[in-house]
Amino acid sequence: MNAIDRLRDEGYPIGLLRIRYIRPFPEEDITGWINGVKGVIVFDRDYSVGMGGVLASEISGLVPSNISFEGVLAGLGGFDVSADEFKVIMKDFLDKSEREGLVRVRKYWYIPKIER
């Protein structure tokens, strides 16, 4: 939420949908939320081999082909993703969508820099 609030303060028109369960899959709720947005970015902490992020795989089928979409695998292996890192990932997606128009990336790996 902190990253979303900060991006809104910077003028980015951004929202957040937090999905609490995937079975039964809330398809109608998600489809209603997607209606009218310019882009959807899904953060996953769960990976299915060959498919990418579990939640991104489910949601990508609901996102119309004329809306930007990116599935981000982040926070795997016990590494938390900070609000600043989320902000950078989201800003990059928004900027890339603005620059290139339609962006469709089903699987993007976010690997944090580990400081020792």
N, C-alpha and C. Protein backbone atom coordinates (compact mmCIF):
# COMPACT_ATOMS: atom_id res chain seq x y z
N MET A 1 0.82 -1.19 0.00
CA MET A 1 0.00 0.00 0.00
C MET A 1 0.86 1.26 0.00
N ASN A 2 1.94 1.23 0.72
CA ASN A 2 2.82 2.39 0.81
C ASN A 2 3.33 2.81 -0.56
N ALA A 3 3.73 1.85 -1.38
CA ALA A 3 4.23 2.15 -2.72
C ALA A 3 3.11 2.72 -3.58
N ILE A 4 1.92 2.19 -3.46
CA ILE A 4 0.77 2.69 -4.23
C ILE A 4 0.47 4.13 -3.85
N ASP A 5 0.42 4.40 -2.55
CA ASP A 5 0.15 5.76 -2.07
C ASP A 5 1.20 6.75 -2.57
N ARG A 6 2.46 6.34 -2.55
CA ARG A 6 3.53 7.23 -3.00
C ARG A 6 3.44 7.50 -4.50
N LEU A 7 3.09 6.48 -5.27
CA LEU A 7 2.94 6.68 -6.71
C LEU A 7 1.74 7.59 -7.01
N ARG A 8 0.67 7.44 -6.27
CA ARG A 8 -0.48 8.34 -6.44
C ARG A 8 -0.09 9.77 -6.13
N ASP A 9 0.70 9.94 -5.06
CA ASP A 9 1.17 11.29 -4.69
C ASP A 9 2.01 11.92 -5.80
N GLU A 10 2.69 11.07 -6.58
CA GLU A 10 3.51 11.54 -7.69
C GLU A 10 2.68 11.76 -8.96
N GLY A 11 1.38 11.48 -8.89
CA GLY A 11 0.50 11.72 -10.03
C GLY A 11 0.20 10.53 -10.91
N TYR A 12 0.69 9.35 -10.53
CA TYR A 12 0.39 8.16 -11.32
C TYR A 12 -1.02 7.68 -11.00
N PRO A 13 -1.85 7.45 -12.04
CA PRO A 13 -3.20 6.93 -11.81
C PRO A 13 -3.14 5.42 -11.61
N ILE A 14 -3.02 4.98 -10.37
CA ILE A 14 -2.75 3.58 -10.08
C ILE A 14 -3.69 3.10 -8.98
N GLY A 15 -4.04 1.83 -9.04
CA GLY A 15 -4.90 1.23 -8.03
C GLY A 15 -4.33 -0.11 -7.60
N LEU A 16 -4.95 -0.70 -6.63
CA LEU A 16 -4.48 -1.97 -6.09
C LEU A 16 -5.65 -2.90 -5.86
N LEU A 17 -5.52 -4.11 -6.32
CA LEU A 17 -6.48 -5.17 -6.06
C LEU A 17 -5.71 -6.27 -5.36
N ARG A 18 -6.08 -6.56 -4.15
CA ARG A 18 -5.40 -7.61 -3.39
C ARG A 18 -6.29 -8.84 -3.36
N ILE A 19 -5.82 -9.90 -3.96
CA ILE A 19 -6.60 -11.13 -4.05
C ILE A 19 -6.23 -12.02 -2.86
N ARG A 20 -7.24 -12.38 -2.11
CA ARG A 20 -7.02 -13.15 -0.88
C ARG A 20 -7.09 -14.66 -1.10
N TYR A 21 -7.74 -15.08 -2.18
CA TYR A 21 -7.86 -16.52 -2.45
C TYR A 21 -7.95 -16.71 -3.97
N ILE A 22 -7.58 -17.91 -4.44
CA ILE A 22 -7.70 -18.17 -5.87
C ILE A 22 -8.63 -19.34 -6.17
N ARG A 23 -9.12 -20.01 -5.15
CA ARG A 23 -10.11 -21.08 -5.36
C ARG A 23 -11.24 -20.91 -4.36
N PRO A 24 -12.47 -20.75 -4.79
CA PRO A 24 -12.86 -20.58 -6.19
C PRO A 24 -12.34 -19.25 -6.71
N PHE A 25 -11.94 -19.24 -7.98
CA PHE A 25 -11.33 -18.06 -8.57
C PHE A 25 -12.37 -16.96 -8.76
N PRO A 26 -12.11 -15.76 -8.25
CA PRO A 26 -13.08 -14.66 -8.32
C PRO A 26 -13.08 -13.96 -9.69
N GLU A 27 -13.34 -14.71 -10.74
CA GLU A 27 -13.25 -14.22 -12.11
C GLU A 27 -14.12 -13.00 -12.37
N GLU A 28 -15.37 -13.02 -11.93
CA GLU A 28 -16.27 -11.89 -12.18
C GLU A 28 -15.79 -10.62 -11.49
N ASP A 29 -15.33 -10.74 -10.26
CA ASP A 29 -14.82 -9.57 -9.54
C ASP A 29 -13.60 -8.98 -10.23
N ILE A 30 -12.69 -9.84 -10.64
CA ILE A 30 -11.47 -9.37 -11.29
C ILE A 30 -11.79 -8.75 -12.65
N THR A 31 -12.64 -9.40 -13.41
CA THR A 31 -13.02 -8.86 -14.72
C THR A 31 -13.67 -7.49 -14.58
N GLY A 32 -14.52 -7.31 -13.58
CA GLY A 32 -15.14 -6.02 -13.33
C GLY A 32 -14.12 -4.95 -12.97
N TRP A 33 -13.11 -5.32 -12.22
CA TRP A 33 -12.08 -4.38 -11.83
C TRP A 33 -11.20 -4.00 -13.02
N ILE A 34 -10.91 -4.96 -13.89
CA ILE A 34 -10.04 -4.72 -15.04
C ILE A 34 -10.72 -3.80 -16.06
N ASN A 35 -12.02 -3.83 -16.13
CA ASN A 35 -12.76 -3.03 -17.10
C ASN A 35 -12.39 -1.55 -16.98
N GLY A 36 -11.82 -0.98 -18.04
CA GLY A 36 -11.50 0.44 -18.06
C GLY A 36 -10.09 0.81 -17.64
N VAL A 37 -9.26 -0.15 -17.26
CA VAL A 37 -7.88 0.18 -16.88
C VAL A 37 -6.98 0.15 -18.11
N LYS A 38 -5.83 0.81 -18.02
CA LYS A 38 -4.88 0.84 -19.13
C LYS A 38 -3.87 -0.31 -19.06
N GLY A 39 -3.64 -0.80 -17.86
CA GLY A 39 -2.65 -1.86 -17.70
C GLY A 39 -2.85 -2.62 -16.40
N VAL A 40 -2.35 -3.86 -16.39
CA VAL A 40 -2.45 -4.72 -15.21
C VAL A 40 -1.08 -5.32 -14.96
N ILE A 41 -0.61 -5.18 -13.73
CA ILE A 41 0.64 -5.83 -13.32
C ILE A 41 0.31 -6.74 -12.15
N VAL A 42 0.77 -7.98 -12.23
CA VAL A 42 0.47 -8.98 -11.20
C VAL A 42 1.78 -9.40 -10.55
N PHE A 43 1.83 -9.29 -9.23
CA PHE A 43 3.00 -9.74 -8.48
C PHE A 43 2.72 -11.13 -7.93
N ASP A 44 3.62 -12.05 -8.20
CA ASP A 44 3.48 -13.44 -7.76
C ASP A 44 4.64 -13.83 -6.86
N ARG A 45 4.32 -14.63 -5.85
CA ARG A 45 5.36 -15.26 -5.03
C ARG A 45 5.31 -16.77 -5.20
N ASP A 46 4.54 -17.20 -6.18
CA ASP A 46 4.33 -18.62 -6.41
C ASP A 46 4.61 -18.91 -7.88
N TYR A 47 5.43 -19.91 -8.15
CA TYR A 47 5.86 -20.20 -9.51
C TYR A 47 5.44 -21.60 -9.90
N SER A 48 4.88 -21.71 -11.12
CA SER A 48 4.54 -23.00 -11.69
C SER A 48 5.46 -23.22 -12.89
N VAL A 49 6.24 -24.28 -12.85
CA VAL A 49 7.22 -24.54 -13.90
C VAL A 49 6.54 -24.59 -15.27
N GLY A 50 7.08 -23.82 -16.20
CA GLY A 50 6.54 -23.78 -17.55
C GLY A 50 5.39 -22.80 -17.73
N MET A 51 4.81 -22.34 -16.64
CA MET A 51 3.66 -21.42 -16.73
C MET A 51 4.00 -20.03 -16.22
N GLY A 52 4.95 -19.92 -15.33
CA GLY A 52 5.26 -18.63 -14.71
C GLY A 52 4.53 -18.49 -13.40
N GLY A 53 4.18 -17.28 -13.05
CA GLY A 53 3.48 -17.03 -11.80
C GLY A 53 2.07 -17.61 -11.84
N VAL A 54 1.67 -18.25 -10.75
CA VAL A 54 0.37 -18.91 -10.69
C VAL A 54 -0.77 -17.90 -10.86
N LEU A 55 -0.74 -16.82 -10.12
CA LEU A 55 -1.80 -15.82 -10.20
C LEU A 55 -1.77 -15.09 -11.54
N ALA A 56 -0.59 -14.77 -12.03
CA ALA A 56 -0.47 -14.11 -13.34
C ALA A 56 -1.04 -14.98 -14.45
N SER A 57 -0.81 -16.28 -14.37
CA SER A 57 -1.36 -17.20 -15.37
C SER A 57 -2.88 -17.17 -15.37
N GLU A 58 -3.47 -17.13 -14.19
CA GLU A 58 -4.92 -17.09 -14.07
C GLU A 58 -5.48 -15.77 -14.60
N ILE A 59 -4.85 -14.66 -14.23
CA ILE A 59 -5.38 -13.34 -14.56
C ILE A 59 -5.11 -12.96 -16.01
N SER A 60 -4.01 -13.43 -16.58
CA SER A 60 -3.67 -13.04 -17.96
C SER A 60 -4.78 -13.40 -18.95
N GLY A 61 -5.49 -14.48 -18.69
CA GLY A 61 -6.59 -14.87 -19.56
C GLY A 61 -7.79 -13.95 -19.46
N LEU A 62 -7.87 -13.15 -18.40
CA LEU A 62 -8.99 -12.23 -18.21
C LEU A 62 -8.70 -10.84 -18.77
N VAL A 63 -7.44 -10.55 -19.01
CA VAL A 63 -7.03 -9.22 -19.47
C VAL A 63 -7.18 -9.15 -20.99
N PRO A 64 -8.02 -8.24 -21.50
CA PRO A 64 -8.18 -8.11 -22.95
C PRO A 64 -6.85 -7.82 -23.63
N SER A 65 -6.73 -8.22 -24.88
CA SER A 65 -5.47 -8.10 -25.61
C SER A 65 -5.06 -6.65 -25.89
N ASN A 66 -5.95 -5.70 -25.68
CA ASN A 66 -5.61 -4.30 -25.91
C ASN A 66 -5.20 -3.57 -24.63
N ILE A 67 -4.98 -4.32 -23.55
CA ILE A 67 -4.56 -3.76 -22.26
C ILE A 67 -3.18 -4.32 -21.93
N SER A 68 -2.27 -3.45 -21.51
CA SER A 68 -0.93 -3.88 -21.12
C SER A 68 -1.01 -4.83 -19.93
N PHE A 69 -0.13 -5.82 -19.93
CA PHE A 69 -0.10 -6.82 -18.85
C PHE A 69 1.33 -7.23 -18.59
N GLU A 70 1.65 -7.37 -17.30
CA GLU A 70 2.97 -7.90 -16.93
C GLU A 70 2.82 -8.74 -15.68
N GLY A 71 3.37 -9.94 -15.73
CA GLY A 71 3.42 -10.82 -14.57
C GLY A 71 4.82 -10.78 -13.99
N VAL A 72 4.93 -10.41 -12.73
CA VAL A 72 6.24 -10.25 -12.08
C VAL A 72 6.39 -11.29 -10.98
N LEU A 73 7.44 -12.07 -11.07
CA LEU A 73 7.79 -13.02 -10.02
C LEU A 73 8.77 -12.32 -9.09
N ALA A 74 8.34 -12.08 -7.86
CA ALA A 74 9.16 -11.33 -6.92
C ALA A 74 8.94 -11.87 -5.52
N GLY A 75 9.95 -11.80 -4.71
CA GLY A 75 9.82 -12.24 -3.32
C GLY A 75 9.96 -13.74 -3.16
N LEU A 76 10.59 -14.40 -4.12
CA LEU A 76 10.79 -15.84 -4.01
C LEU A 76 11.99 -16.15 -3.13
N GLY A 77 12.02 -17.33 -2.60
CA GLY A 77 13.17 -17.78 -1.82
C GLY A 77 13.34 -17.07 -0.49
N GLY A 78 12.26 -16.53 0.03
CA GLY A 78 12.32 -15.87 1.33
C GLY A 78 12.78 -14.43 1.29
N PHE A 79 13.03 -13.89 0.11
CA PHE A 79 13.43 -12.49 -0.01
C PHE A 79 12.21 -11.61 -0.09
N ASP A 80 12.10 -10.66 0.80
CA ASP A 80 11.00 -9.72 0.75
C ASP A 80 11.31 -8.63 -0.25
N VAL A 81 10.26 -8.04 -0.80
CA VAL A 81 10.40 -6.93 -1.73
C VAL A 81 9.92 -5.69 -1.00
N SER A 82 10.78 -4.69 -0.92
CA SER A 82 10.45 -3.48 -0.18
C SER A 82 9.47 -2.61 -0.98
N ALA A 83 8.87 -1.65 -0.30
CA ALA A 83 7.97 -0.69 -0.95
C ALA A 83 8.72 0.08 -2.03
N ASP A 84 9.97 0.41 -1.79
CA ASP A 84 10.76 1.13 -2.79
C ASP A 84 10.98 0.27 -4.04
N GLU A 85 11.23 -1.03 -3.83
CA GLU A 85 11.42 -1.92 -4.97
C GLU A 85 10.12 -2.09 -5.75
N PHE A 86 9.00 -2.24 -5.04
CA PHE A 86 7.70 -2.32 -5.72
C PHE A 86 7.46 -1.06 -6.54
N LYS A 87 7.78 0.07 -5.97
CA LYS A 87 7.58 1.34 -6.64
C LYS A 87 8.39 1.40 -7.94
N VAL A 88 9.63 0.96 -7.89
CA VAL A 88 10.50 0.96 -9.08
C VAL A 88 9.93 0.03 -10.15
N ILE A 89 9.48 -1.16 -9.76
CA ILE A 89 8.92 -2.12 -10.71
C ILE A 89 7.66 -1.55 -11.36
N MET A 90 6.79 -0.97 -10.55
CA MET A 90 5.54 -0.43 -11.08
C MET A 90 5.79 0.78 -11.97
N LYS A 91 6.70 1.65 -11.57
CA LYS A 91 7.03 2.82 -12.38
C LYS A 91 7.61 2.39 -13.72
N ASP A 92 8.46 1.38 -13.70
CA ASP A 92 9.05 0.87 -14.93
C ASP A 92 7.96 0.35 -15.87
N PHE A 93 6.99 -0.39 -15.32
CA PHE A 93 5.88 -0.90 -16.13
C PHE A 93 5.05 0.24 -16.70
N LEU A 94 4.73 1.21 -15.87
CA LEU A 94 3.92 2.36 -16.33
C LEU A 94 4.66 3.16 -17.39
N ASP A 95 5.93 3.41 -17.17
CA ASP A 95 6.72 4.17 -18.13
C ASP A 95 6.88 3.40 -19.45
N LYS A 96 7.13 2.10 -19.35
CA LYS A 96 7.28 1.26 -20.54
C LYS A 96 5.96 1.22 -21.33
N SER A 97 4.83 1.12 -20.65
CA SER A 97 3.52 1.11 -21.31
C SER A 97 3.27 2.44 -22.00
N GLU A 98 3.65 3.52 -21.36
CA GLU A 98 3.47 4.86 -21.94
C GLU A 98 4.35 5.05 -23.17
N ARG A 99 5.60 4.57 -23.08
CA ARG A 99 6.57 4.73 -24.16
C ARG A 99 6.26 3.83 -25.36
N GLU A 100 5.97 2.56 -25.09
CA GLU A 100 5.84 1.56 -26.15
C GLU A 100 4.39 1.30 -26.56
N GLY A 101 3.45 1.81 -25.80
CA GLY A 101 2.05 1.51 -26.08
C GLY A 101 1.68 0.22 -25.37
N LEU A 102 1.31 -0.77 -26.12
CA LEU A 102 0.88 -2.05 -25.54
C LEU A 102 2.08 -2.90 -25.12
N VAL A 103 2.09 -3.32 -23.86
CA VAL A 103 3.15 -4.17 -23.32
C VAL A 103 2.51 -5.46 -22.83
N ARG A 104 3.02 -6.59 -23.27
CA ARG A 104 2.49 -7.88 -22.83
C ARG A 104 3.68 -8.76 -22.43
N VAL A 105 3.95 -8.86 -21.14
CA VAL A 105 5.03 -9.69 -20.62
C VAL A 105 4.41 -10.64 -19.61
N ARG A 106 4.43 -11.91 -19.93
CA ARG A 106 3.77 -12.87 -19.05
C ARG A 106 4.63 -13.24 -17.84
N LYS A 107 5.95 -13.20 -18.03
CA LYS A 107 6.82 -13.63 -16.93
C LYS A 107 8.04 -12.74 -16.88
N TYR A 108 8.16 -11.97 -15.80
CA TYR A 108 9.31 -11.11 -15.56
C TYR A 108 9.85 -11.47 -14.19
N TRP A 109 11.11 -11.82 -14.12
CA TRP A 109 11.73 -12.19 -12.85
C TRP A 109 12.34 -10.95 -12.22
N TYR A 110 11.95 -10.67 -11.00
CA TYR A 110 12.61 -9.60 -10.25
C TYR A 110 13.55 -10.25 -9.25
N ILE A 111 14.83 -10.00 -9.41
CA ILE A 111 15.85 -10.55 -8.52
C ILE A 111 16.47 -9.37 -7.76
N PRO A 112 16.25 -9.31 -6.45
CA PRO A 112 16.79 -8.17 -5.70
C PRO A 112 18.31 -8.24 -5.58
N LYS A 113 18.91 -7.08 -5.44
CA LYS A 113 20.34 -7.01 -5.17
C LYS A 113 20.55 -7.31 -3.70
N ILE A 114 21.41 -8.24 -3.42
CA ILE A 114 21.68 -8.64 -2.04
C ILE A 114 22.92 -7.92 -1.55
N GLU A 115 22.73 -7.14 -0.49
CA GLU A 115 23.87 -6.44 0.09
C GLU A 115 24.41 -7.24 1.24
N ARG A 116 25.71 -7.35 1.31
CA ARG A 116 26.33 -8.15 2.38
C ARG A 116 27.13 -7.28 3.29
